[in-house]
C-alpha atoms as a PDB file:
ATOM      1  CA  MET A   1      34.794 -26.349-125.380  1.00  0.00           C
ATOM      2  CA  GLU A   2      32.867 -28.307-127.982  1.00  0.00           C
ATOM      3  CA  PRO A   3      34.682 -29.702-131.057  1.00  0.00           C
ATOM      4  CA  ASP A   4      33.083 -26.963-133.170  1.00  0.00           C
ATOM      5  CA  GLY A   5      34.534 -24.247-130.880  1.00  0.00           C
ATOM      6  CA  ARG A   6      31.352 -23.520-128.910  1.00  0.00           C
ATOM      7  CA  ARG A   7      31.666 -23.201-125.148  1.00  0.00           C
ATOM      8  CA  THR A   8      29.527 -25.230-122.782  1.00  0.00           C
ATOM      9  CA  ASN A   9      28.684 -24.143-119.238  1.00  0.00           C
ATOM     10  CA  LEU A  10      29.430 -27.203-117.109  1.00  0.00           C
ATOM     11  CA  THR A  11      28.878 -25.696-113.665  1.00  0.00           C
ATOM     12  CA  ARG A  12      25.442 -24.087-114.017  1.00  0.00           C
ATOM     13  CA  HIS A  13      25.827 -22.206-110.731  1.00  0.00           C
ATOM     14  CA  PRO A  14      24.822 -18.572-110.108  1.00  0.00           C
ATOM     15  CA  ALA A  15      28.210 -17.826-108.516  1.00  0.00           C
ATOM     16  CA  ARG A  16      31.101 -16.546-110.563  1.00  0.00           C
ATOM     17  CA  ASP A  17      32.971 -19.636-111.812  1.00  0.00           C
ATOM     18  CA  HIS A  18      36.069 -18.596-113.755  1.00  0.00           C
ATOM     19  CA  LEU A  19      39.673 -19.270-114.789  1.00  0.00           C
ATOM     20  CA  PRO A  20      39.303 -22.972-115.709  1.00  0.00           C
ATOM     21  CA  ALA A  21      42.303 -25.184-116.484  1.00  0.00           C
ATOM     22  CA  TRP A  22      42.228 -28.748-117.847  1.00  0.00           C
ATOM     23  CA  SER A  23      44.256 -31.462-116.124  1.00  0.00           C
ATOM     24  CA  PRO A  24      47.043 -32.933-118.279  1.00  0.00           C
ATOM     25  CA  ASP A  25      45.066 -36.169-118.748  1.00  0.00           C
ATOM     26  CA  GLY A  26      41.910 -34.250-119.772  1.00  0.00           C
ATOM     27  CA  GLU A  27      39.862 -35.926-117.035  1.00  0.00           C
ATOM     28  CA  ARG A  28      39.431 -32.946-114.636  1.00  0.00           C
ATOM     29  CA  ILE A  29      39.074 -29.184-114.632  1.00  0.00           C
ATOM     30  CA  VAL A  30      40.304 -26.913-111.856  1.00  0.00           C
ATOM     31  CA  PHE A  31      38.671 -23.479-111.556  1.00  0.00           C
ATOM     32  CA  SER A  32      38.038 -20.541-109.222  1.00  0.00           C
ATOM     33  CA  SER A  33      34.588 -19.781-107.854  1.00  0.00           C
ATOM     34  CA  ARG A  34      32.857 -17.454-105.426  1.00  0.00           C
ATOM     35  CA  ARG A  35      30.298 -20.092-104.400  1.00  0.00           C
ATOM     36  CA  ASP A  36      31.210 -19.764-100.722  1.00  0.00           C
ATOM     37  CA  GLY A  37      31.453 -15.960-100.701  1.00  0.00           C
ATOM     38  CA  ASN A  38      35.089 -15.542-101.723  1.00  0.00           C
ATOM     39  CA  ASP A  39      37.305 -16.914-104.469  1.00  0.00           C
ATOM     40  CA  GLU A  40      38.352 -20.490-103.798  1.00  0.00           C
ATOM     41  CA  VAL A  41      39.788 -23.323-105.888  1.00  0.00           C
ATOM     42  CA  TYR A  42      37.445 -26.100-107.036  1.00  0.00           C
ATOM     43  CA  VAL A  43      37.885 -29.207-109.150  1.00  0.00           C
ATOM     44  CA  MET A  44      35.380 -31.222-111.187  1.00  0.00           C
ATOM     45  CA  ARG A  45      35.327 -34.057-113.684  1.00  0.00           C
ATOM     46  CA  ALA A  46      35.505 -33.075-117.364  1.00  0.00           C
ATOM     47  CA  ASP A  47      31.738 -33.620-117.710  1.00  0.00           C
ATOM     48  CA  GLY A  48      30.964 -31.120-114.912  1.00  0.00           C
ATOM     49  CA  SER A  49      30.147 -33.702-112.237  1.00  0.00           C
ATOM     50  CA  GLY A  50      31.844 -34.235-108.876  1.00  0.00           C
ATOM     51  CA  ILE A  51      32.523 -30.573-108.034  1.00  0.00           C
ATOM     52  CA  ARG A  52      34.681 -30.246-104.887  1.00  0.00           C
ATOM     53  CA  ASN A  53      36.097 -27.244-103.055  1.00  0.00           C
ATOM     54  CA  LEU A  54      39.833 -27.846-102.655  1.00  0.00           C
ATOM     55  CA  THR A  55      40.907 -24.791-100.669  1.00  0.00           C
ATOM     56  CA  ASN A  56      37.947 -23.921 -98.376  1.00  0.00           C
ATOM     57  CA  HIS A  57      39.855 -21.054 -96.738  1.00  0.00           C
ATOM     58  CA  PRO A  58      38.726 -17.471 -95.972  1.00  0.00           C
ATOM     59  CA  SER A  59      41.524 -16.147 -98.202  1.00  0.00           C
ATOM     60  CA  VAL A  60      41.370 -15.325-101.915  1.00  0.00           C
ATOM     61  CA  ASP A  61      42.556 -18.392-103.863  1.00  0.00           C
ATOM     62  CA  VAL A  62      42.629 -18.000-107.659  1.00  0.00           C
ATOM     63  CA  MET A  63      44.404 -18.755-110.946  1.00  0.00           C
ATOM     64  CA  ALA A  64      44.917 -22.486-110.341  1.00  0.00           C
ATOM     65  CA  LYS A  65      46.973 -24.540-112.800  1.00  0.00           C
ATOM     66  CA  TRP A  66      47.972 -28.203-112.907  1.00  0.00           C
ATOM     67  CA  SER A  67      51.490 -29.548-112.638  1.00  0.00           C
ATOM     68  CA  PRO A  68      52.611 -31.328-115.829  1.00  0.00           C
ATOM     69  CA  ASP A  69      52.075 -34.747-114.215  1.00  0.00           C
ATOM     70  CA  GLY A  70      48.654 -33.795-112.781  1.00  0.00           C
ATOM     71  CA  THR A  71      49.560 -34.622-109.187  1.00  0.00           C
ATOM     72  CA  ARG A  72      49.751 -31.041-107.879  1.00  0.00           C
ATOM     73  CA  ILE A  73      47.957 -27.731-108.343  1.00  0.00           C
ATOM     74  CA  VAL A  74      49.579 -24.328-108.047  1.00  0.00           C
ATOM     75  CA  PHE A  75      47.463 -21.245-107.291  1.00  0.00           C
ATOM     76  CA  VAL A  76      47.716 -17.637-106.123  1.00  0.00           C
ATOM     77  CA  SER A  77      46.550 -16.866-102.580  1.00  0.00           C
ATOM     78  CA  ASN A  78      46.723 -14.102-100.004  1.00  0.00           C
ATOM     79  CA  ARG A  79      46.439 -16.518 -97.060  1.00  0.00           C
ATOM     80  CA  ASP A  80      49.897 -15.506 -95.801  1.00  0.00           C
ATOM     81  CA  GLY A  81      49.341 -11.759 -96.136  1.00  0.00           C
ATOM     82  CA  GLY A  82      50.340 -10.642 -99.624  1.00  0.00           C
ATOM     83  CA  PHE A  83      49.498 -12.537-102.795  1.00  0.00           C
ATOM     84  CA  ARG A  84      51.935 -15.327-103.618  1.00  0.00           C
ATOM     85  CA  LEU A  85      52.065 -18.772-105.187  1.00  0.00           C
ATOM     86  CA  HIS A  86      50.936 -21.809-103.215  1.00  0.00           C
ATOM     87  CA  VAL A  87      50.982 -25.474-104.147  1.00  0.00           C
ATOM     88  CA  MET A  88      48.830 -28.416-103.011  1.00  0.00           C
ATOM     89  CA  THR A  89      48.148 -31.984-104.005  1.00  0.00           C
ATOM     90  CA  ALA A  90      45.466 -32.552-106.651  1.00  0.00           C
ATOM     91  CA  GLU A  91      43.208 -33.670-103.768  1.00  0.00           C
ATOM     92  CA  GLY A  92      43.626 -30.311-101.966  1.00  0.00           C
ATOM     93  CA  THR A  93      45.941 -31.486 -99.186  1.00  0.00           C
ATOM     94  CA  ASP A  94      49.444 -30.363 -98.173  1.00  0.00           C
ATOM     95  CA  VAL A  95      48.844 -26.676 -99.041  1.00  0.00           C
ATOM     96  CA  ARG A  96      52.022 -24.616 -98.730  1.00  0.00           C
ATOM     97  CA  PRO A  97      53.602 -21.488-100.141  1.00  0.00           C
ATOM     98  CA  VAL A  98      56.076 -21.881-102.985  1.00  0.00           C
ATOM     99  CA  GLU A  99      59.530 -20.985-101.762  1.00  0.00           C
ATOM    100  CA  ARG A 100      61.597 -18.618-103.867  1.00  0.00           C
END
């Protein structure tokens, strides 16, 4: 969002890019996108560059949020059957369900 409150489209992709969340340090944005045919979790730099797919899985992966220290990302996925929380590193590795 611009200082005057206007929104700026950083992704400029025809796919549905949605549910963005800023990293705690303000350097990155995690978001969901249907670029590869289903909802997956992506990350990019705050200026819109360096877009990377973090989940790359045939499941639905959405609603990603950063951990307070910015080292992990939590998201909702149906990769284990029903929808539940999963966590991964900020680089997209070590994906696992959140235990209750």
